[in-house]
Amino acid sequence: MTLHIREITNEEGNRLSRLVKTTSSVVTMRRAQCILHSAQGFSPPWIADVLFMSPAWVRHIVQAFNEDGFESLYARYKGGGHVKFEEEVRLEVVSLATSRPRDLGWGSILTEAARTW
């Protein structure tokens, strides 16, 4: 059994073509290319060979498009969690960052390092 996308209208096909040609996101462009190939009747293994993707990823893209439509073509970037410092650690880091190396007793180390260069 080969997985294909649902029937798409001419308007959707034109929108997909426009996305391939004009989007600044490579992720969106490649996903739109994948959907266009599937709409033309090509199988996931063939699409995977042409677009240098795995057949499983092609099936994932097609299935997501069938379920969510055009929203599935756009990347969903997520940021990482916030780095959490305790207040005293944060204050110590700020103190180190804003102090002079000589005040920390690193003056002689820096002078010796400068001589060797």
C-alpha atoms as a PDB file:
ATOM      1  CA  MET A   1       0.000   0.000   0.000  1.00  0.00           C
ATOM      2  CA  THR A   2       1.373   3.361  -1.039  1.00  0.00           C
ATOM      3  CA  LEU A   3       0.634   6.482   0.948  1.00  0.00           C
ATOM      4  CA  HIS A   4      -0.522   9.500  -1.081  1.00  0.00           C
ATOM      5  CA  ILE A   5      -1.883  12.840  -0.053  1.00  0.00           C
ATOM      6  CA  ARG A   6      -5.550  13.675  -0.151  1.00  0.00           C
ATOM      7  CA  GLU A   7      -6.959  15.286  -3.278  1.00  0.00           C
ATOM      8  CA  ILE A   8      -5.699  18.844  -3.524  1.00  0.00           C
ATOM      9  CA  THR A   9      -7.447  21.670  -5.321  1.00  0.00           C
ATOM     10  CA  ASN A  10      -5.874  23.819  -8.013  1.00  0.00           C
ATOM     11  CA  GLU A  11      -5.584  26.634  -5.487  1.00  0.00           C
ATOM     12  CA  GLU A  12      -3.697  24.377  -3.061  1.00  0.00           C
ATOM     13  CA  GLY A  13      -1.433  23.187  -5.861  1.00  0.00           C
ATOM     14  CA  ASN A  14      -0.663  26.778  -6.839  1.00  0.00           C
ATOM     15  CA  ARG A  15       0.021  27.654  -3.211  1.00  0.00           C
ATOM     16  CA  LEU A  16       2.416  24.702  -2.908  1.00  0.00           C
ATOM     17  CA  SER A  17       4.221  25.766  -6.098  1.00  0.00           C
ATOM     18  CA  ARG A  18       4.527  29.317  -4.779  1.00  0.00           C
ATOM     19  CA  LEU A  19       5.937  28.001  -1.483  1.00  0.00           C
ATOM     20  CA  VAL A  20       8.572  25.990  -3.332  1.00  0.00           C
ATOM     21  CA  LYS A  21       9.637  29.012  -5.379  1.00  0.00           C
ATOM     22  CA  THR A  22       9.406  31.886  -2.894  1.00  0.00           C
ATOM     23  CA  THR A  23       9.796  30.694   0.687  1.00  0.00           C
ATOM     24  CA  SER A  24      12.959  31.610   2.547  1.00  0.00           C
ATOM     25  CA  SER A  25      12.749  28.486   4.706  1.00  0.00           C
ATOM     26  CA  VAL A  26      14.488  25.426   3.310  1.00  0.00           C
ATOM     27  CA  VAL A  27      12.399  23.204   5.580  1.00  0.00           C
ATOM     28  CA  THR A  28       9.133  24.547   4.165  1.00  0.00           C
ATOM     29  CA  MET A  29      10.406  24.348   0.591  1.00  0.00           C
ATOM     30  CA  ARG A  30      11.482  20.710   0.895  1.00  0.00           C
ATOM     31  CA  ARG A  31       8.241  19.677   2.579  1.00  0.00           C
ATOM     32  CA  ALA A  32       6.227  21.441  -0.135  1.00  0.00           C
ATOM     33  CA  GLN A  33       8.276  19.670  -2.822  1.00  0.00           C
ATOM     34  CA  CYS A  34       7.530  16.365  -1.139  1.00  0.00           C
ATOM     35  CA  ILE A  35       3.784  17.085  -1.120  1.00  0.00           C
ATOM     36  CA  LEU A  36       3.821  18.192  -4.769  1.00  0.00           C
ATOM     37  CA  HIS A  37       5.518  14.960  -5.815  1.00  0.00           C
ATOM     38  CA  SER A  38       3.019  12.943  -3.828  1.00  0.00           C
ATOM     39  CA  ALA A  39       0.149  14.839  -5.454  1.00  0.00           C
ATOM     40  CA  GLN A  40       1.565  13.835  -8.833  1.00  0.00           C
ATOM     41  CA  GLY A  41       1.269  10.190  -7.822  1.00  0.00           C
ATOM     42  CA  PHE A  42       4.871   9.348  -7.014  1.00  0.00           C
ATOM     43  CA  SER A  43       5.555   6.813  -4.263  1.00  0.00           C
ATOM     44  CA  PRO A  44       7.357   7.684  -1.011  1.00  0.00           C
ATOM     45  CA  PRO A  45      10.471   5.632  -1.908  1.00  0.00           C
ATOM     46  CA  TRP A  46      10.782   7.470  -5.251  1.00  0.00           C
ATOM     47  CA  ILE A  47      10.257  10.865  -3.576  1.00  0.00           C
ATOM     48  CA  ALA A  48      12.826   9.934  -0.937  1.00  0.00           C
ATOM     49  CA  ASP A  49      15.400   9.125  -3.628  1.00  0.00           C
ATOM     50  CA  VAL A  50      14.793  12.339  -5.522  1.00  0.00           C
ATOM     51  CA  LEU A  51      14.781  14.621  -2.468  1.00  0.00           C
ATOM     52  CA  PHE A  52      17.451  12.739  -0.485  1.00  0.00           C
ATOM     53  CA  MET A  53      15.117  11.920   2.399  1.00  0.00           C
ATOM     54  CA  SER A  54      14.223   8.656   4.022  1.00  0.00           C
ATOM     55  CA  PRO A  55      10.972   6.986   2.884  1.00  0.00           C
ATOM     56  CA  ALA A  56       9.770   7.031   6.496  1.00  0.00           C
ATOM     57  CA  TRP A  57      10.242  10.812   6.669  1.00  0.00           C
ATOM     58  CA  VAL A  58       8.372  11.272   3.384  1.00  0.00           C
ATOM     59  CA  ARG A  59       5.479   9.228   4.785  1.00  0.00           C
ATOM     60  CA  HIS A  60       5.554  11.358   7.936  1.00  0.00           C
ATOM     61  CA  ILE A  61       5.350  14.592   5.887  1.00  0.00           C
ATOM     62  CA  VAL A  62       2.489  13.247   3.756  1.00  0.00           C
ATOM     63  CA  GLN A  63       0.550  11.989   6.756  1.00  0.00           C
ATOM     64  CA  ALA A  64       1.028  15.289   8.602  1.00  0.00           C
ATOM     65  CA  PHE A  65      -0.184  17.219   5.538  1.00  0.00           C
ATOM     66  CA  ASN A  66      -3.253  14.977   5.294  1.00  0.00           C
ATOM     67  CA  GLU A  67      -4.075  15.697   8.943  1.00  0.00           C
ATOM     68  CA  ASP A  68      -3.030  19.350   9.409  1.00  0.00           C
ATOM     69  CA  GLY A  69      -2.867  20.844   5.917  1.00  0.00           C
ATOM     70  CA  PHE A  70      -0.474  23.685   5.199  1.00  0.00           C
ATOM     71  CA  GLU A  71       0.358  24.208   8.870  1.00  0.00           C
ATOM     72  CA  SER A  72       2.369  20.985   8.756  1.00  0.00           C
ATOM     73  CA  LEU A  73       4.747  22.464   6.175  1.00  0.00           C
ATOM     74  CA  TYR A  74       6.119  25.142   8.464  1.00  0.00           C
ATOM     75  CA  ALA A  75       8.909  24.366  10.926  1.00  0.00           C
ATOM     76  CA  ARG A  76       7.987  24.495  14.574  1.00  0.00           C
ATOM     77  CA  TYR A  77      11.120  25.778  16.204  1.00  0.00           C
ATOM     78  CA  LYS A  78      11.224  25.495  19.950  1.00  0.00           C
ATOM     79  CA  GLY A  79      13.722  27.121  22.213  1.00  0.00           C
ATOM     80  CA  GLY A  80      15.395  25.279  25.016  1.00  0.00           C
ATOM     81  CA  GLY A  81      14.543  25.720  28.640  1.00  0.00           C
ATOM     82  CA  HIS A  82      15.767  28.682  30.614  1.00  0.00           C
ATOM     83  CA  VAL A  83      19.040  28.261  32.450  1.00  0.00           C
ATOM     84  CA  LYS A  84      18.320  28.626  36.128  1.00  0.00           C
ATOM     85  CA  PHE A  85      20.921  29.829  38.581  1.00  0.00           C
ATOM     86  CA  GLU A  86      20.485  30.322  42.256  1.00  0.00           C
ATOM     87  CA  GLU A  87      20.796  33.954  43.222  1.00  0.00           C
ATOM     88  CA  GLU A  88      24.137  33.581  45.026  1.00  0.00           C
ATOM     89  CA  VAL A  89      25.704  31.731  42.082  1.00  0.00           C
ATOM     90  CA  ARG A  90      24.428  34.394  39.689  1.00  0.00           C
ATOM     91  CA  LEU A  91      25.899  37.162  41.858  1.00  0.00           C
ATOM     92  CA  GLU A  92      29.257  35.366  41.997  1.00  0.00           C
ATOM     93  CA  VAL A  93      29.361  34.999  38.205  1.00  0.00           C
ATOM     94  CA  VAL A  94      28.507  38.686  37.770  1.00  0.00           C
ATOM     95  CA  SER A  95      31.196  39.623  40.270  1.00  0.00           C
ATOM     96  CA  LEU A  96      33.818  37.544  38.446  1.00  0.00           C
ATOM     97  CA  ALA A  97      32.796  38.897  35.062  1.00  0.00           C
ATOM     98  CA  THR A  98      32.971  42.529  36.126  1.00  0.00           C
ATOM     99  CA  SER A  99      36.209  42.377  38.140  1.00  0.00           C
ATOM    100  CA  ARG A 100      39.760  42.949  36.888  1.00  0.00           C
ATOM    101  CA  PRO A 101      42.081  39.924  36.688  1.00  0.00           C
ATOM    102  CA  ARG A 102      44.671  41.654  38.916  1.00  0.00           C
ATOM    103  CA  ASP A 103      42.048  42.070  41.638  1.00  0.00           C
ATOM    104  CA  LEU A 104      41.573  38.293  41.557  1.00  0.00           C
ATOM    105  CA  GLY A 105      45.304  37.582  41.869  1.00  0.00           C
ATOM    106  CA  TRP A 106      45.768  36.665  38.246  1.00  0.00           C
ATOM    107  CA  GLY A 107      48.083  39.537  37.361  1.00  0.00           C
ATOM    108  CA  SER A 108      51.312  37.525  37.508  1.00  0.00           C
ATOM    109  CA  ILE A 109      49.807  34.632  35.525  1.00  0.00           C
ATOM    110  CA  LEU A 110      48.692  36.991  32.774  1.00  0.00           C
ATOM    111  CA  THR A 111      52.079  38.718  32.697  1.00  0.00           C
ATOM    112  CA  GLU A 112      53.902  35.378  32.327  1.00  0.00           C
ATOM    113  CA  ALA A 113      51.530  34.266  29.600  1.00  0.00           C
ATOM    114  CA  ALA A 114      52.113  37.514  27.719  1.00  0.00           C
ATOM    115  CA  ARG A 115      55.897  37.027  27.889  1.00  0.00           C
ATOM    116  CA  THR A 116      55.699  33.583  26.301  1.00  0.00           C
ATOM    117  CA  TRP A 117      53.802  34.891  23.314  1.00  0.00           C
END
